[in-house]
C-alpha atoms as a PDB file:
ATOM      1  CA  MET A   1     211.984 -30.314 169.005  1.00  0.00           C
ATOM      2  CA  ARG A   2     210.390 -29.164 165.763  1.00  0.00           C
ATOM      3  CA  THR A   3     209.840 -25.669 167.235  1.00  0.00           C
ATOM      4  CA  LEU A   4     213.493 -25.454 168.262  1.00  0.00           C
ATOM      5  CA  VAL A   5     214.620 -26.365 164.749  1.00  0.00           C
ATOM      6  CA  LEU A   6     212.319 -23.751 163.198  1.00  0.00           C
ATOM      7  CA  VAL A   7     213.508 -21.037 165.596  1.00  0.00           C
ATOM      8  CA  ALA A   8     217.154 -21.904 164.938  1.00  0.00           C
ATOM      9  CA  ALA A   9     216.589 -21.915 161.172  1.00  0.00           C
ATOM     10  CA  ALA A  10     214.793 -18.565 161.312  1.00  0.00           C
ATOM     11  CA  GLY A  11     217.690 -17.112 163.297  1.00  0.00           C
ATOM     12  CA  LEU A  12     220.232 -18.313 160.753  1.00  0.00           C
ATOM     13  CA  VAL A  13     218.227 -16.919 157.854  1.00  0.00           C
ATOM     14  CA  GLY A  14     217.853 -13.591 159.662  1.00  0.00           C
ATOM     15  CA  CYS A  15     221.595 -13.301 160.284  1.00  0.00           C
ATOM     16  CA  ALA A  16     222.473 -14.322 156.752  1.00  0.00           C
ATOM     17  CA  SER A  17     220.203 -11.676 155.263  1.00  0.00           C
ATOM     18  CA  MET A  18     221.653  -8.814 157.306  1.00  0.00           C
ATOM     19  CA  GLN A  19     223.843  -6.636 155.142  1.00  0.00           C
ATOM     20  CA  ASN A  20     225.293  -3.203 155.643  1.00  0.00           C
ATOM     21  CA  THR A  21     223.410  -0.251 154.251  1.00  0.00           C
ATOM     22  CA  PRO A  22     225.196   1.951 151.715  1.00  0.00           C
ATOM     23  CA  GLN A  23     225.673   4.542 154.480  1.00  0.00           C
ATOM     24  CA  GLN A  24     227.352   1.971 156.735  1.00  0.00           C
ATOM     25  CA  ASP A  25     229.637   0.843 153.927  1.00  0.00           C
ATOM     26  CA  ILE A  26     230.689   4.453 153.280  1.00  0.00           C
ATOM     27  CA  VAL A  27     231.534   5.080 156.946  1.00  0.00           C
ATOM     28  CA  TRP A  28     233.459   1.816 157.335  1.00  0.00           C
ATOM     29  CA  GLU A  29     235.426   2.529 154.140  1.00  0.00           C
ATOM     30  CA  ALA A  30     236.150   6.080 155.351  1.00  0.00           C
ATOM     31  CA  TYR A  31     237.448   4.617 158.632  1.00  0.00           C
ATOM     32  CA  ARG A  32     239.717   2.180 156.761  1.00  0.00           C
ATOM     33  CA  GLN A  33     241.076   4.986 154.587  1.00  0.00           C
ATOM     34  CA  CYS A  34     241.752   7.168 157.621  1.00  0.00           C
ATOM     35  CA  GLN A  35     243.596   4.309 159.312  1.00  0.00           C
ATOM     36  CA  TYR A  36     245.627   3.562 156.180  1.00  0.00           C
ATOM     37  CA  GLU A  37     246.644   7.212 155.826  1.00  0.00           C
ATOM     38  CA  GLY A  38     247.645   7.363 159.490  1.00  0.00           C
ATOM     39  CA  ARG A  39     245.258  10.226 160.181  1.00  0.00           C
ATOM     40  CA  ILE A  40     243.762   8.631 163.261  1.00  0.00           C
ATOM     41  CA  SER A  41     245.517   7.311 166.326  1.00  0.00           C
ATOM     42  CA  ASN A  42     245.721   3.608 167.112  1.00  0.00           C
ATOM     43  CA  ASN A  43     244.193   4.744 170.396  1.00  0.00           C
ATOM     44  CA  VAL A  44     240.804   5.146 168.642  1.00  0.00           C
ATOM     45  CA  GLN A  45     238.668   2.243 167.411  1.00  0.00           C
ATOM     46  CA  MET A  46     235.370   2.378 165.541  1.00  0.00           C
ATOM     47  CA  THR A  47     232.894   0.266 167.493  1.00  0.00           C
ATOM     48  CA  ARG A  48     229.579   0.592 165.673  1.00  0.00           C
ATOM     49  CA  VAL A  49     227.921   2.150 162.626  1.00  0.00           C
ATOM     50  CA  GLU A  50     224.158   2.608 162.523  1.00  0.00           C
ATOM     51  CA  PRO A  51     222.206   1.968 159.294  1.00  0.00           C
ATOM     52  CA  ASP A  52     221.883   5.743 158.754  1.00  0.00           C
ATOM     53  CA  GLY A  53     225.669   6.225 158.965  1.00  0.00           C
ATOM     54  CA  ARG A  54     225.974   7.504 162.524  1.00  0.00           C
ATOM     55  CA  TYR A  55     229.043   5.998 164.122  1.00  0.00           C
ATOM     56  CA  TRP A  56     230.520   5.316 167.527  1.00  0.00           C
ATOM     57  CA  TYR A  57     234.139   5.043 168.459  1.00  0.00           C
ATOM     58  CA  GLN A  58     236.071   4.260 171.596  1.00  0.00           C
ATOM     59  CA  MET A  59     239.318   5.766 172.829  1.00  0.00           C
ATOM     60  CA  MET A  60     241.488   3.235 174.619  1.00  0.00           C
ATOM     61  CA  ASN A  61     243.932   5.429 176.572  1.00  0.00           C
ATOM     62  CA  GLY A  62     242.831   8.978 177.256  1.00  0.00           C
ATOM     63  CA  SER A  63     241.118  11.354 174.875  1.00  0.00           C
ATOM     64  CA  ARG A  64     243.770  11.596 172.162  1.00  0.00           C
ATOM     65  CA  GLY A  65     242.382  11.138 168.661  1.00  0.00           C
ATOM     66  CA  GLY A  66     238.698  11.954 169.093  1.00  0.00           C
ATOM     67  CA  ILE A  67     238.656  15.105 166.990  1.00  0.00           C
ATOM     68  CA  GLU A  68     240.927  13.568 164.365  1.00  0.00           C
ATOM     69  CA  ILE A  69     238.659  10.578 163.767  1.00  0.00           C
ATOM     70  CA  GLN A  70     235.581  12.780 163.512  1.00  0.00           C
ATOM     71  CA  ASN A  71     237.224  15.158 161.044  1.00  0.00           C
ATOM     72  CA  CYS A  72     238.731  12.402 158.907  1.00  0.00           C
ATOM     73  CA  ILE A  73     235.628  10.199 158.812  1.00  0.00           C
ATOM     74  CA  ASP A  74     233.380  13.155 157.954  1.00  0.00           C
ATOM     75  CA  GLU A  75     235.747  14.302 155.185  1.00  0.00           C
ATOM     76  CA  LYS A  76     236.242  10.844 153.682  1.00  0.00           C
ATOM     77  CA  ALA A  77     232.564   9.865 153.971  1.00  0.00           C
ATOM     78  CA  ALA A  78     231.493  13.042 152.165  1.00  0.00           C
ATOM     79  CA  ALA A  79     234.012  12.376 149.364  1.00  0.00           C
ATOM     80  CA  LEU A  80     232.966   8.725 149.056  1.00  0.00           C
ATOM     81  CA  ALA A  81     229.253   9.629 148.987  1.00  0.00           C
ATOM     82  CA  ALA A  82     229.871  12.281 146.315  1.00  0.00           C
ATOM     83  CA  ALA A  83     231.890   9.827 144.216  1.00  0.00           C
ATOM     84  CA  LYS A  84     229.143   7.235 144.551  1.00  0.00           C
ATOM     85  CA  ARG A  85     226.496   9.744 143.461  1.00  0.00           C
ATOM     86  CA  SER A  86     228.507  10.831 140.422  1.00  0.00           C
ATOM     87  CA  ALA A  87     229.133   7.194 139.437  1.00  0.00           C
ATOM     88  CA  SER A  88     225.431   6.329 139.595  1.00  0.00           C
ATOM     89  CA  PRO A  89     223.597   6.531 136.280  1.00  0.00           C
ATOM     90  CA  THR A  90     221.029   9.306 136.094  1.00  0.00           C
ATOM     91  CA  ARG A  91     217.529   8.726 134.854  1.00  0.00           C
END
């Protein structure tokens, strides 16, 4: 029983400590901005973002929207990353 409690506690601590990387945050924010601006179809949903910023999306009905999401995410992510770099204090 004690082992089970320790394993469960370790699992909870592990999940609680998992946070997005800055690259993931940039891609998710770019996706939200693209959705808000209506630049990507409701047919396309972001499914996963890797810690290095690579992303996966899924098209629900056909292939409509694939190029649009790639173009918009890449454009927005580059702008967000540049803004973040310029806002960071230099040493």
